Amino acid sequence: PAGYLWEVRGAILDCGDPDCPDAVISFILVDDDGNR
């Protein structure tokens, strides 16, 4: 979505839980004060 600052990060997960995905992409919305 336009009008926001985003950080995009990918991660491989190894949490040992069958409900846990193997990998995720995270979309982080960052405001002017650094809150995420």
All heavy atoms as atom14 arrays in JSON, in Angstrom:
{
  "sequence": "PAGYLWEVRGAILDCGDPDCPDAVISFILVDDDGNR",
  "atom14_mask": [
    [1, 1, 1, 1, 1, 1, 1, 0, 0, 0, 0, 0, 0, 0],
    [1, 1, 1, 1, 1, 0, 0, 0, 0, 0, 0, 0, 0, 0],
    [1, 1, 1, 1, 0, 0, 0, 0, 0, 0, 0, 0, 0, 0],
    [1, 1, 1, 1, 1, 1, 1, 1, 1, 1, 1, 1, 0, 0],
    [1, 1, 1, 1, 1, 1, 1, 1, 0, 0, 0, 0, 0, 0],
    [1, 1, 1, 1, 1, 1, 1, 1, 1, 1, 1, 1, 1, 1],
    [1, 1, 1, 1, 1, 1, 1, 1, 1, 0, 0, 0, 0, 0],
    [1, 1, 1, 1, 1, 1, 1, 0, 0, 0, 0, 0, 0, 0],
    [1, 1, 1, 1, 1, 1, 1, 1, 1, 1, 1, 0, 0, 0],
    [1, 1, 1, 1, 0, 0, 0, 0, 0, 0, 0, 0, 0, 0],
    [1, 1, 1, 1, 1, 0, 0, 0, 0, 0, 0, 0, 0, 0],
    [1, 1, 1, 1, 1, 1, 1, 1, 0, 0, 0, 0, 0, 0],
    [1, 1, 1, 1, 1, 1, 1, 1, 0, 0, 0, 0, 0, 0],
    [1, 1, 1, 1, 1, 1, 1, 1, 0, 0, 0, 0, 0, 0],
    [1, 1, 1, 1, 1, 1, 0, 0, 0, 0, 0, 0, 0, 0],
    [1, 1, 1, 1, 0, 0, 0, 0, 0, 0, 0, 0, 0, 0],
    [1, 1, 1, 1, 1, 1, 1, 1, 0, 0, 0, 0, 0, 0],
    [1, 1, 1, 1, 1, 1, 1, 0, 0, 0, 0, 0, 0, 0],
    [1, 1, 1, 1, 1, 1, 1, 1, 0, 0, 0, 0, 0, 0],
    [1, 1, 1, 1, 1, 1, 0, 0, 0, 0, 0, 0, 0, 0],
    [1, 1, 1, 1, 1, 1, 1, 0, 0, 0, 0, 0, 0, 0],
    [1, 1, 1, 1, 1, 1, 1, 1, 0, 0, 0, 0, 0, 0],
    [1, 1, 1, 1, 1, 0, 0, 0, 0, 0, 0, 0, 0, 0],
    [1, 1, 1, 1, 1, 1, 1, 0, 0, 0, 0, 0, 0, 0],
    [1, 1, 1, 1, 1, 1, 1, 1, 0, 0, 0, 0, 0, 0],
    [1, 1, 1, 1, 1, 1, 0, 0, 0, 0, 0, 0, 0, 0],
    [1, 1, 1, 1, 1, 1, 1, 1, 1, 1, 1, 0, 0, 0],
    [1, 1, 1, 1, 1, 1, 1, 1, 0, 0, 0, 0, 0, 0],
    [1, 1, 1, 1, 1, 1, 1, 1, 0, 0, 0, 0, 0, 0],
    [1, 1, 1, 1, 1, 1, 1, 0, 0, 0, 0, 0, 0, 0],
    [1, 1, 1, 1, 1, 1, 1, 1, 0, 0, 0, 0, 0, 0],
    [1, 1, 1, 1, 1, 1, 1, 1, 0, 0, 0, 0, 0, 0],
    [1, 1, 1, 1, 1, 1, 1, 1, 0, 0, 0, 0, 0, 0],
    [1, 1, 1, 1, 0, 0, 0, 0, 0, 0, 0, 0, 0, 0],
    [1, 1, 1, 1, 1, 1, 1, 1, 0, 0, 0, 0, 0, 0],
    [1, 1, 1, 1, 1, 1, 1, 1, 1, 1, 1, 0, 0, 0]
  ],
  "atom14_positions": [
    [[0.82, -1.21, 0.0], [0.0, 0.0, 0.0], [0.86, 1.26, 0.0], [1.88, 1.34, 0.69], [-0.82, -0.13, 1.28], [-0.89, -1.61, 1.53], [0.45, -2.12, 1.09], [0.0, 0.0, 0.0], [0.0, 0.0, 0.0], [0.0, 0.0, 0.0], [0.0, 0.0, 0.0], [0.0, 0.0, 0.0], [0.0, 0.0, 0.0], [0.0, 0.0, 0.0]],
    [[0.48, 2.24, -0.79], [1.22, 3.5, -0.93], [1.08, 4.36, 0.31], [0.13, 4.22, 1.09], [0.74, 4.26, -2.16], [0.0, 0.0, 0.0], [0.0, 0.0, 0.0], [0.0, 0.0, 0.0], [0.0, 0.0, 0.0], [0.0, 0.0, 0.0], [0.0, 0.0, 0.0], [0.0, 0.0, 0.0], [0.0, 0.0, 0.0], [0.0, 0.0, 0.0]],
    [[2.04, 5.26, 0.48], [1.97, 6.24, 1.56], [2.64, 5.8, 2.85], [2.52, 6.48, 3.87], [0.0, 0.0, 0.0], [0.0, 0.0, 0.0], [0.0, 0.0, 0.0], [0.0, 0.0, 0.0], [0.0, 0.0, 0.0], [0.0, 0.0, 0.0], [0.0, 0.0, 0.0], [0.0, 0.0, 0.0], [0.0, 0.0, 0.0], [0.0, 0.0, 0.0]],
    [[3.34, 4.68, 2.83], [3.98, 4.16, 4.03], [5.41, 3.77, 3.71], [5.75, 3.47, 2.57], [3.25, 2.9, 4.54], [1.81, 3.13, 4.86], [0.83, 2.9, 3.89], [1.41, 3.61, 6.1], [-0.51, 3.12, 4.17], [0.07, 3.83, 6.38], [-0.88, 3.59, 5.42], [-2.19, 3.8, 5.69], [0.0, 0.0, 0.0], [0.0, 0.0, 0.0]],
    [[6.26, 3.75, 4.74], [7.61, 3.23, 4.6], [7.58, 1.78, 5.05], [7.09, 1.47, 6.14], [8.6, 4.02, 5.45], [10.05, 3.5, 5.43], [10.63, 3.59, 4.01], [10.91, 4.28, 6.41], [0.0, 0.0, 0.0], [0.0, 0.0, 0.0], [0.0, 0.0, 0.0], [0.0, 0.0, 0.0], [0.0, 0.0, 0.0], [0.0, 0.0, 0.0]],
    [[8.12, 0.89, 4.22], [8.1, -0.54, 4.5], [9.52, -1.09, 4.55], [10.38, -0.67, 3.8], [7.36, -1.29, 3.4], [5.92, -0.95, 3.29], [5.34, -0.02, 2.47], [4.86, -1.54, 4.02], [3.98, 0.0, 2.65], [3.66, -0.93, 3.59], [4.79, -2.54, 4.98], [2.42, -1.28, 4.1], [3.55, -2.89, 5.5], [2.38, -2.26, 5.06]],
    [[9.75, -2.06, 5.43], [10.92, -2.91, 5.38], [10.41, -4.3, 5.02], [9.37, -4.74, 5.52], [11.63, -2.97, 6.73], [12.28, -1.67, 7.12], [12.96, -1.75, 8.48], [13.05, -2.83, 9.09], [13.38, -0.68, 8.94], [0.0, 0.0, 0.0], [0.0, 0.0, 0.0], [0.0, 0.0, 0.0], [0.0, 0.0, 0.0], [0.0, 0.0, 0.0]],
    [[11.13, -4.98, 4.14], [10.73, -6.31, 3.71], [11.88, -7.26, 4.03], [13.02, -7.0, 3.64], [10.41, -6.34, 2.21], [9.98, -7.73, 1.77], [9.32, -5.32, 1.88], [0.0, 0.0, 0.0], [0.0, 0.0, 0.0], [0.0, 0.0, 0.0], [0.0, 0.0, 0.0], [0.0, 0.0, 0.0], [0.0, 0.0, 0.0], [0.0, 0.0, 0.0]],
    [[11.58, -8.34, 4.75], [12.61, -9.29, 5.16], [12.12, -10.72, 4.98], [10.99, -11.03, 5.3], [12.97, -9.09, 6.64], [13.5, -7.72, 6.94], [13.86, -7.57, 8.37], [14.27, -6.2, 8.63], [14.56, -5.74, 9.81], [14.5, -6.53, 10.86], [14.92, -4.48, 9.97], [0.0, 0.0, 0.0], [0.0, 0.0, 0.0], [0.0, 0.0, 0.0]],
    [[12.99, -11.55, 4.5], [12.69, -12.97, 4.39], [13.45, -13.72, 5.46], [14.54, -13.3, 5.87], [0.0, 0.0, 0.0], [0.0, 0.0, 0.0], [0.0, 0.0, 0.0], [0.0, 0.0, 0.0], [0.0, 0.0, 0.0], [0.0, 0.0, 0.0], [0.0, 0.0, 0.0], [0.0, 0.0, 0.0], [0.0, 0.0, 0.0], [0.0, 0.0, 0.0]],
    [[12.88, -14.84, 5.93], [13.55, -15.63, 6.97], [13.21, -17.1, 6.82], [12.07, -17.46, 6.52], [13.12, -15.15, 8.36], [0.0, 0.0, 0.0], [0.0, 0.0, 0.0], [0.0, 0.0, 0.0], [0.0, 0.0, 0.0], [0.0, 0.0, 0.0], [0.0, 0.0, 0.0], [0.0, 0.0, 0.0], [0.0, 0.0, 0.0], [0.0, 0.0, 0.0]],
    [[14.22, -17.95, 7.0], [14.03, -19.39, 7.09], [13.79, -19.7, 8.56], [14.54, -19.23, 9.43], [15.29, -20.15, 6.6], [15.69, -19.72, 5.19], [15.09, -21.65, 6.71], [14.75, -20.13, 4.11], [0.0, 0.0, 0.0], [0.0, 0.0, 0.0], [0.0, 0.0, 0.0], [0.0, 0.0, 0.0], [0.0, 0.0, 0.0], [0.0, 0.0, 0.0]],
    [[12.74, -20.47, 8.86], [12.41, -20.79, 10.24], [12.73, -22.25, 10.54], [12.57, -23.11, 9.68], [10.92, -20.53, 10.51], [10.41, -19.13, 10.19], [8.92, -19.04, 10.47], [11.16, -18.09, 10.99], [0.0, 0.0, 0.0], [0.0, 0.0, 0.0], [0.0, 0.0, 0.0], [0.0, 0.0, 0.0], [0.0, 0.0, 0.0], [0.0, 0.0, 0.0]],
    [[13.17, -22.52, 11.73], [13.44, -23.88, 12.19], [12.91, -23.99, 13.6], [13.66, -24.09, 14.55], [14.95, -24.16, 12.13], [15.27, -25.61, 12.47], [14.36, -26.45, 12.43], [16.44, -25.88, 12.8], [0.0, 0.0, 0.0], [0.0, 0.0, 0.0], [0.0, 0.0, 0.0], [0.0, 0.0, 0.0], [0.0, 0.0, 0.0], [0.0, 0.0, 0.0]],
    [[11.59, -23.95, 13.72], [11.0, -23.89, 15.06], [10.55, -25.25, 15.57], [10.15, -25.37, 16.72], [9.85, -22.89, 15.09], [8.51, -23.27, 13.99], [0.0, 0.0, 0.0], [0.0, 0.0, 0.0], [0.0, 0.0, 0.0], [0.0, 0.0, 0.0], [0.0, 0.0, 0.0], [0.0, 0.0, 0.0], [0.0, 0.0, 0.0], [0.0, 0.0, 0.0]],
    [[10.6, -26.31, 14.74], [10.24, -27.64, 15.21], [8.76, -27.86, 15.44], [8.35, -28.91, 15.91], [0.0, 0.0, 0.0], [0.0, 0.0, 0.0], [0.0, 0.0, 0.0], [0.0, 0.0, 0.0], [0.0, 0.0, 0.0], [0.0, 0.0, 0.0], [0.0, 0.0, 0.0], [0.0, 0.0, 0.0], [0.0, 0.0, 0.0], [0.0, 0.0, 0.0]],
    [[7.93, -26.9, 15.1], [6.48, -27.01, 15.27], [5.87, -27.29, 13.91], [6.14, -26.57, 12.95], [5.97, -25.68, 15.83], [4.47, -25.66, 16.08], [3.75, -26.51, 15.54], [4.03, -24.77, 16.82], [0.0, 0.0, 0.0], [0.0, 0.0, 0.0], [0.0, 0.0, 0.0], [0.0, 0.0, 0.0], [0.0, 0.0, 0.0], [0.0, 0.0, 0.0]],
    [[5.02, -28.34, 13.79], [4.44, -28.64, 12.48], [3.53, -27.52, 11.93], [3.3, -27.45, 10.73], [3.64, -29.92, 12.7], [3.49, -30.05, 14.18], [4.61, -29.28, 14.8], [0.0, 0.0, 0.0], [0.0, 0.0, 0.0], [0.0, 0.0, 0.0], [0.0, 0.0, 0.0], [0.0, 0.0, 0.0], [0.0, 0.0, 0.0], [0.0, 0.0, 0.0]],
    [[3.05, -26.64, 12.8], [2.22, -25.52, 12.35], [3.06, -24.32, 11.94], [2.53, -23.33, 11.45], [1.24, -25.1, 13.46], [0.21, -26.17, 13.73], [-0.15, -26.92, 12.79], [-0.22, -26.29, 14.89], [0.0, 0.0, 0.0], [0.0, 0.0, 0.0], [0.0, 0.0, 0.0], [0.0, 0.0, 0.0], [0.0, 0.0, 0.0], [0.0, 0.0, 0.0]],
    [[4.36, -24.4, 12.14], [5.27, -23.3, 11.82], [5.72, -23.45, 10.36], [6.17, -24.53, 9.95], [6.46, -23.37, 12.76], [7.71, -22.12, 12.5], [0.0, 0.0, 0.0], [0.0, 0.0, 0.0], [0.0, 0.0, 0.0], [0.0, 0.0, 0.0], [0.0, 0.0, 0.0], [0.0, 0.0, 0.0], [0.0, 0.0, 0.0], [0.0, 0.0, 0.0]],
    [[5.63, -22.39, 9.56], [6.09, -22.49, 8.17], [7.61, -22.64, 8.1], [8.33, -22.28, 9.03], [5.64, -21.18, 7.54], [5.44, -20.24, 8.67], [5.1, -21.07, 9.87], [0.0, 0.0, 0.0], [0.0, 0.0, 0.0], [0.0, 0.0, 0.0], [0.0, 0.0, 0.0], [0.0, 0.0, 0.0], [0.0, 0.0, 0.0], [0.0, 0.0, 0.0]],
    [[8.09, -23.16, 6.97], [9.53, -23.31, 6.76], [10.2, -21.96, 6.52], [11.36, -21.76, 6.85], [9.81, -24.23, 5.58], [9.39, -25.66, 5.86], [9.39, -26.07, 7.04], [9.06, -26.38, 4.9], [0.0, 0.0, 0.0], [0.0, 0.0, 0.0], [0.0, 0.0, 0.0], [0.0, 0.0, 0.0], [0.0, 0.0, 0.0], [0.0, 0.0, 0.0]],
    [[9.46, -21.04, 5.88], [10.01, -19.73, 5.55], [8.9, -18.7, 5.5], [7.76, -19.03, 5.14], [10.74, -19.77, 4.22], [0.0, 0.0, 0.0], [0.0, 0.0, 0.0], [0.0, 0.0, 0.0], [0.0, 0.0, 0.0], [0.0, 0.0, 0.0], [0.0, 0.0, 0.0], [0.0, 0.0, 0.0], [0.0, 0.0, 0.0], [0.0, 0.0, 0.0]],
    [[9.22, -17.47, 5.87], [8.25, -16.38, 5.82], [8.88, -15.15, 5.18], [10.1, -15.0, 5.15], [7.72, -15.99, 7.23], [6.94, -17.13, 7.85], [8.82, -15.5, 8.14], [0.0, 0.0, 0.0], [0.0, 0.0, 0.0], [0.0, 0.0, 0.0], [0.0, 0.0, 0.0], [0.0, 0.0, 0.0], [0.0, 0.0, 0.0], [0.0, 0.0, 0.0]],
    [[8.03, -14.3, 4.68], [8.43, -12.95, 4.28], [7.66, -12.02, 5.2], [6.45, -12.18, 5.4], [8.16, -12.67, 2.79], [8.6, -11.27, 2.41], [6.73, -12.91, 2.42], [8.53, -10.99, 0.91], [0.0, 0.0, 0.0], [0.0, 0.0, 0.0], [0.0, 0.0, 0.0], [0.0, 0.0, 0.0], [0.0, 0.0, 0.0], [0.0, 0.0, 0.0]],
    [[8.38, -11.09, 5.82], [7.74, -10.16, 6.75], [7.72, -8.76, 6.15], [8.71, -8.31, 5.58], [8.49, -10.13, 8.09], [8.38, -11.36, 8.74], [0.0, 0.0, 0.0], [0.0, 0.0, 0.0], [0.0, 0.0, 0.0], [0.0, 0.0, 0.0], [0.0, 0.0, 0.0], [0.0, 0.0, 0.0], [0.0, 0.0, 0.0], [0.0, 0.0, 0.0]],
    [[6.59, -8.11, 6.29], [6.38, -6.74, 5.81], [6.25, -5.88, 7.06], [5.32, -6.05, 7.84], [5.12, -6.66, 4.96], [5.16, -7.57, 3.77], [4.55, -8.81, 3.83], [5.8, -7.2, 2.61], [4.58, -9.66, 2.73], [5.84, -8.04, 1.51], [5.24, -9.28, 1.57], [0.0, 0.0, 0.0], [0.0, 0.0, 0.0], [0.0, 0.0, 0.0]],
    [[7.19, -4.97, 7.24], [7.27, -4.17, 8.46], [6.95, -2.72, 8.12], [7.65, -2.1, 7.32], [8.66, -4.29, 9.09], [8.99, -5.78, 9.32], [8.75, -3.48, 10.37], [10.44, -6.09, 9.44], [0.0, 0.0, 0.0], [0.0, 0.0, 0.0], [0.0, 0.0, 0.0], [0.0, 0.0, 0.0], [0.0, 0.0, 0.0], [0.0, 0.0, 0.0]],
    [[5.9, -2.2, 8.72], [5.5, -0.81, 8.54], [6.26, 0.01, 9.58], [6.23, -0.32, 10.77], [3.99, -0.7, 8.74], [3.37, 0.65, 8.46], [1.98, 0.43, 7.85], [3.27, 1.48, 9.7], [0.0, 0.0, 0.0], [0.0, 0.0, 0.0], [0.0, 0.0, 0.0], [0.0, 0.0, 0.0], [0.0, 0.0, 0.0], [0.0, 0.0, 0.0]],
    [[6.96, 1.04, 9.13], [7.8, 1.86, 10.01], [7.28, 3.29, 9.98], [7.06, 3.86, 8.91], [9.27, 1.84, 9.53], [10.15, 2.62, 10.5], [9.78, 0.42, 9.37], [0.0, 0.0, 0.0], [0.0, 0.0, 0.0], [0.0, 0.0, 0.0], [0.0, 0.0, 0.0], [0.0, 0.0, 0.0], [0.0, 0.0, 0.0], [0.0, 0.0, 0.0]],
    [[7.08, 3.89, 11.17], [6.64, 5.29, 11.19], [7.84, 6.22, 11.43], [8.97, 5.77, 11.57], [5.51, 5.51, 12.21], [5.94, 5.33, 13.66], [7.15, 5.38, 13.97], [5.05, 5.14, 14.51], [0.0, 0.0, 0.0], [0.0, 0.0, 0.0], [0.0, 0.0, 0.0], [0.0, 0.0, 0.0], [0.0, 0.0, 0.0], [0.0, 0.0, 0.0]],
    [[7.57, 7.51, 11.46], [8.63, 8.51, 11.59], [9.4, 8.4, 12.91], [10.53, 8.86, 13.01], [8.07, 9.93, 11.46], [7.58, 10.23, 10.06], [8.02, 9.55, 9.11], [6.75, 11.15, 9.91], [0.0, 0.0, 0.0], [0.0, 0.0, 0.0], [0.0, 0.0, 0.0], [0.0, 0.0, 0.0], [0.0, 0.0, 0.0], [0.0, 0.0, 0.0]],
    [[8.79, 7.81, 13.93], [9.44, 7.66, 15.23], [10.16, 6.32, 15.36], [10.69, 6.0, 16.43], [8.41, 7.79, 16.36], [7.81, 9.18, 16.43], [8.53, 10.16, 16.15], [6.61, 9.3, 16.77], [0.0, 0.0, 0.0], [0.0, 0.0, 0.0], [0.0, 0.0, 0.0], [0.0, 0.0, 0.0], [0.0, 0.0, 0.0], [0.0, 0.0, 0.0]],
    [[10.17, 5.52, 14.3], [10.84, 4.23, 14.32], [10.0, 3.1, 14.88], [10.5, 1.98, 15.05], [0.0, 0.0, 0.0], [0.0, 0.0, 0.0], [0.0, 0.0, 0.0], [0.0, 0.0, 0.0], [0.0, 0.0, 0.0], [0.0, 0.0, 0.0], [0.0, 0.0, 0.0], [0.0, 0.0, 0.0], [0.0, 0.0, 0.0], [0.0, 0.0, 0.0]],
    [[8.73, 3.35, 15.2], [7.85, 2.29, 15.67], [7.54, 1.36, 14.51], [7.38, 1.79, 13.38], [6.55, 2.88, 16.24], [6.81, 3.81, 17.4], [7.49, 3.44, 18.34], [6.3, 5.01, 17.32], [0.0, 0.0, 0.0], [0.0, 0.0, 0.0], [0.0, 0.0, 0.0], [0.0, 0.0, 0.0], [0.0, 0.0, 0.0], [0.0, 0.0, 0.0]],
    [[7.44, 0.06, 14.83], [7.24, -0.93, 13.79], [6.04, -1.83, 14.09], [5.83, -2.22, 15.23], [8.49, -1.81, 13.64], [9.65, -1.08, 13.03], [10.94, -1.87, 13.14], [11.98, -1.37, 12.25], [12.65, -0.25, 12.41], [12.36, 0.53, 13.43], [13.58, 0.11, 11.56], [0.0, 0.0, 0.0], [0.0, 0.0, 0.0], [0.0, 0.0, 0.0]]
  ]
}
